[in-house]
């Protein structure tokens, strides 16, 4: 024969509060995981765009080098300085 005992109201309240806080933390972890996926997707898109820009930059540099020779170009003054 077992002697069943009941928790006090305060004990039950404390346990319920802990459970609510745990549930909130679990929800936040889920939100963070979703945000991480979104950020990863954005990061991948930016990496692809950067790679495309680097290819475009390389192609333009090769084209300008064929046309003007080796040198440097100042975007602010619009001057090309050939290398000797």
C-alpha atoms as a PDB file:
ATOM      1  CA  UNK A   1       0.000   0.000   0.000  1.00  0.00           C
ATOM      2  CA  UNK A   2       1.527   3.315  -1.081  1.00  0.00           C
ATOM      3  CA  UNK A   3       1.112   6.638   0.569  1.00  0.00           C
ATOM      4  CA  UNK A   4       0.383   9.087  -2.213  1.00  0.00           C
ATOM      5  CA  UNK A   5       1.341  12.619  -1.420  1.00  0.00           C
ATOM      6  CA  UNK A   6       0.512  15.854  -3.176  1.00  0.00           C
ATOM      7  CA  UNK A   7       2.896  18.650  -3.952  1.00  0.00           C
ATOM      8  CA  UNK A   8       2.134  22.010  -2.493  1.00  0.00           C
ATOM      9  CA  UNK A   9       0.631  24.727  -4.693  1.00  0.00           C
ATOM     10  CA  UNK A  10       3.937  26.573  -4.602  1.00  0.00           C
ATOM     11  CA  UNK A  11       5.845  23.485  -5.733  1.00  0.00           C
ATOM     12  CA  UNK A  12       3.437  22.862  -8.602  1.00  0.00           C
ATOM     13  CA  UNK A  13       3.610  26.534  -9.595  1.00  0.00           C
ATOM     14  CA  UNK A  14       7.416  26.415  -9.589  1.00  0.00           C
ATOM     15  CA  UNK A  15       7.433  23.289 -11.772  1.00  0.00           C
ATOM     16  CA  UNK A  16       4.934  24.824 -14.219  1.00  0.00           C
ATOM     17  CA  UNK A  17       6.997  28.022 -14.456  1.00  0.00           C
ATOM     18  CA  UNK A  18      10.095  26.000 -15.267  1.00  0.00           C
ATOM     19  CA  UNK A  19       8.195  24.082 -17.942  1.00  0.00           C
ATOM     20  CA  UNK A  20       6.926  27.311 -19.519  1.00  0.00           C
ATOM     21  CA  UNK A  21      10.453  28.748 -19.574  1.00  0.00           C
ATOM     22  CA  UNK A  22      11.817  25.531 -21.093  1.00  0.00           C
ATOM     23  CA  UNK A  23       9.135  25.629 -23.783  1.00  0.00           C
ATOM     24  CA  UNK A  24      10.054  29.252 -24.573  1.00  0.00           C
ATOM     25  CA  UNK A  25      13.716  28.326 -24.889  1.00  0.00           C
ATOM     26  CA  UNK A  26      12.880  25.447 -27.218  1.00  0.00           C
ATOM     27  CA  UNK A  27      10.805  27.807 -29.378  1.00  0.00           C
ATOM     28  CA  UNK A  28      13.666  30.318 -29.499  1.00  0.00           C
ATOM     29  CA  UNK A  29      16.095  27.571 -30.551  1.00  0.00           C
ATOM     30  CA  UNK A  30      13.689  26.726 -33.376  1.00  0.00           C
ATOM     31  CA  UNK A  31      13.522  30.373 -34.424  1.00  0.00           C
ATOM     32  CA  UNK A  32      17.304  30.597 -34.382  1.00  0.00           C
ATOM     33  CA  UNK A  33      17.565  27.479 -36.571  1.00  0.00           C
ATOM     34  CA  UNK A  34      15.133  28.981 -39.085  1.00  0.00           C
ATOM     35  CA  UNK A  35      17.034  32.289 -39.072  1.00  0.00           C
ATOM     36  CA  UNK A  36      20.301  30.410 -39.553  1.00  0.00           C
ATOM     37  CA  UNK A  37      18.888  28.666 -42.636  1.00  0.00           C
ATOM     38  CA  UNK A  38      17.781  32.000 -44.063  1.00  0.00           C
ATOM     39  CA  UNK A  39      21.169  33.573 -43.364  1.00  0.00           C
ATOM     40  CA  UNK A  40      22.962  30.605 -44.913  1.00  0.00           C
ATOM     41  CA  UNK A  41      20.848  30.952 -48.034  1.00  0.00           C
ATOM     42  CA  UNK A  42      21.584  34.689 -48.214  1.00  0.00           C
ATOM     43  CA  UNK A  43      25.275  34.055 -47.669  1.00  0.00           C
ATOM     44  CA  UNK A  44      25.342  31.497 -50.491  1.00  0.00           C
ATOM     45  CA  UNK A  45      23.613  33.939 -52.842  1.00  0.00           C
ATOM     46  CA  UNK A  46      26.139  36.645 -51.959  1.00  0.00           C
ATOM     47  CA  UNK A  47      29.026  34.234 -52.558  1.00  0.00           C
ATOM     48  CA  UNK A  48      27.640  33.421 -56.011  1.00  0.00           C
ATOM     49  CA  UNK A  49      27.205  37.115 -56.826  1.00  0.00           C
ATOM     50  CA  UNK A  50      30.749  37.844 -55.622  1.00  0.00           C
ATOM     51  CA  UNK A  51      32.142  35.029 -57.776  1.00  0.00           C
ATOM     52  CA  UNK A  52      30.276  36.400 -60.810  1.00  0.00           C
ATOM     53  CA  UNK A  53      31.597  39.916 -60.121  1.00  0.00           C
ATOM     54  CA  UNK A  54      35.159  38.614 -59.854  1.00  0.00           C
ATOM     55  CA  UNK A  55      34.792  36.900 -63.234  1.00  0.00           C
ATOM     56  CA  UNK A  56      33.338  40.078 -64.736  1.00  0.00           C
ATOM     57  CA  UNK A  57      36.164  42.144 -63.221  1.00  0.00           C
ATOM     58  CA  UNK A  58      38.768  39.736 -64.606  1.00  0.00           C
ATOM     59  CA  UNK A  59      37.219  39.828 -68.076  1.00  0.00           C
ATOM     60  CA  UNK A  60      37.092  43.633 -68.110  1.00  0.00           C
ATOM     61  CA  UNK A  61      40.683  43.852 -66.859  1.00  0.00           C
ATOM     62  CA  UNK A  62      41.846  41.471 -69.619  1.00  0.00           C
ATOM     63  CA  UNK A  63      39.932  43.438 -72.234  1.00  0.00           C
ATOM     64  CA  UNK A  64      41.348  46.772 -71.082  1.00  0.00           C
ATOM     65  CA  UNK A  65      44.862  45.340 -70.875  1.00  0.00           C
ATOM     66  CA  UNK A  66      44.590  44.160 -74.495  1.00  0.00           C
ATOM     67  CA  UNK A  67      43.336  47.579 -75.566  1.00  0.00           C
ATOM     68  CA  UNK A  68      45.591  49.875 -73.488  1.00  0.00           C
ATOM     69  CA  UNK A  69      48.412  47.649 -72.263  1.00  0.00           C
ATOM     70  CA  UNK A  70      49.465  47.130 -68.668  1.00  0.00           C
ATOM     71  CA  UNK A  71      48.992  49.971 -66.216  1.00  0.00           C
ATOM     72  CA  UNK A  72      46.779  51.455 -63.542  1.00  0.00           C
ATOM     73  CA  UNK A  73      43.510  53.329 -63.807  1.00  0.00           C
ATOM     74  CA  UNK A  74      42.267  55.950 -61.350  1.00  0.00           C
ATOM     75  CA  UNK A  75      38.469  55.968 -61.265  1.00  0.00           C
ATOM     76  CA  UNK A  76      38.387  59.396 -59.625  1.00  0.00           C
ATOM     77  CA  UNK A  77      40.522  61.188 -62.217  1.00  0.00           C
ATOM     78  CA  UNK A  78      39.664  58.888 -65.132  1.00  0.00           C
ATOM     79  CA  UNK A  79      43.384  58.608 -65.912  1.00  0.00           C
ATOM     80  CA  UNK A  80      45.233  55.570 -67.155  1.00  0.00           C
ATOM     81  CA  UNK A  81      48.935  55.374 -66.356  1.00  0.00           C
ATOM     82  CA  UNK A  82      50.811  52.813 -68.430  1.00  0.00           C
ATOM     83  CA  UNK A  83      53.536  50.724 -66.836  1.00  0.00           C
ATOM     84  CA  UNK A  84      56.904  51.097 -68.525  1.00  0.00           C
END
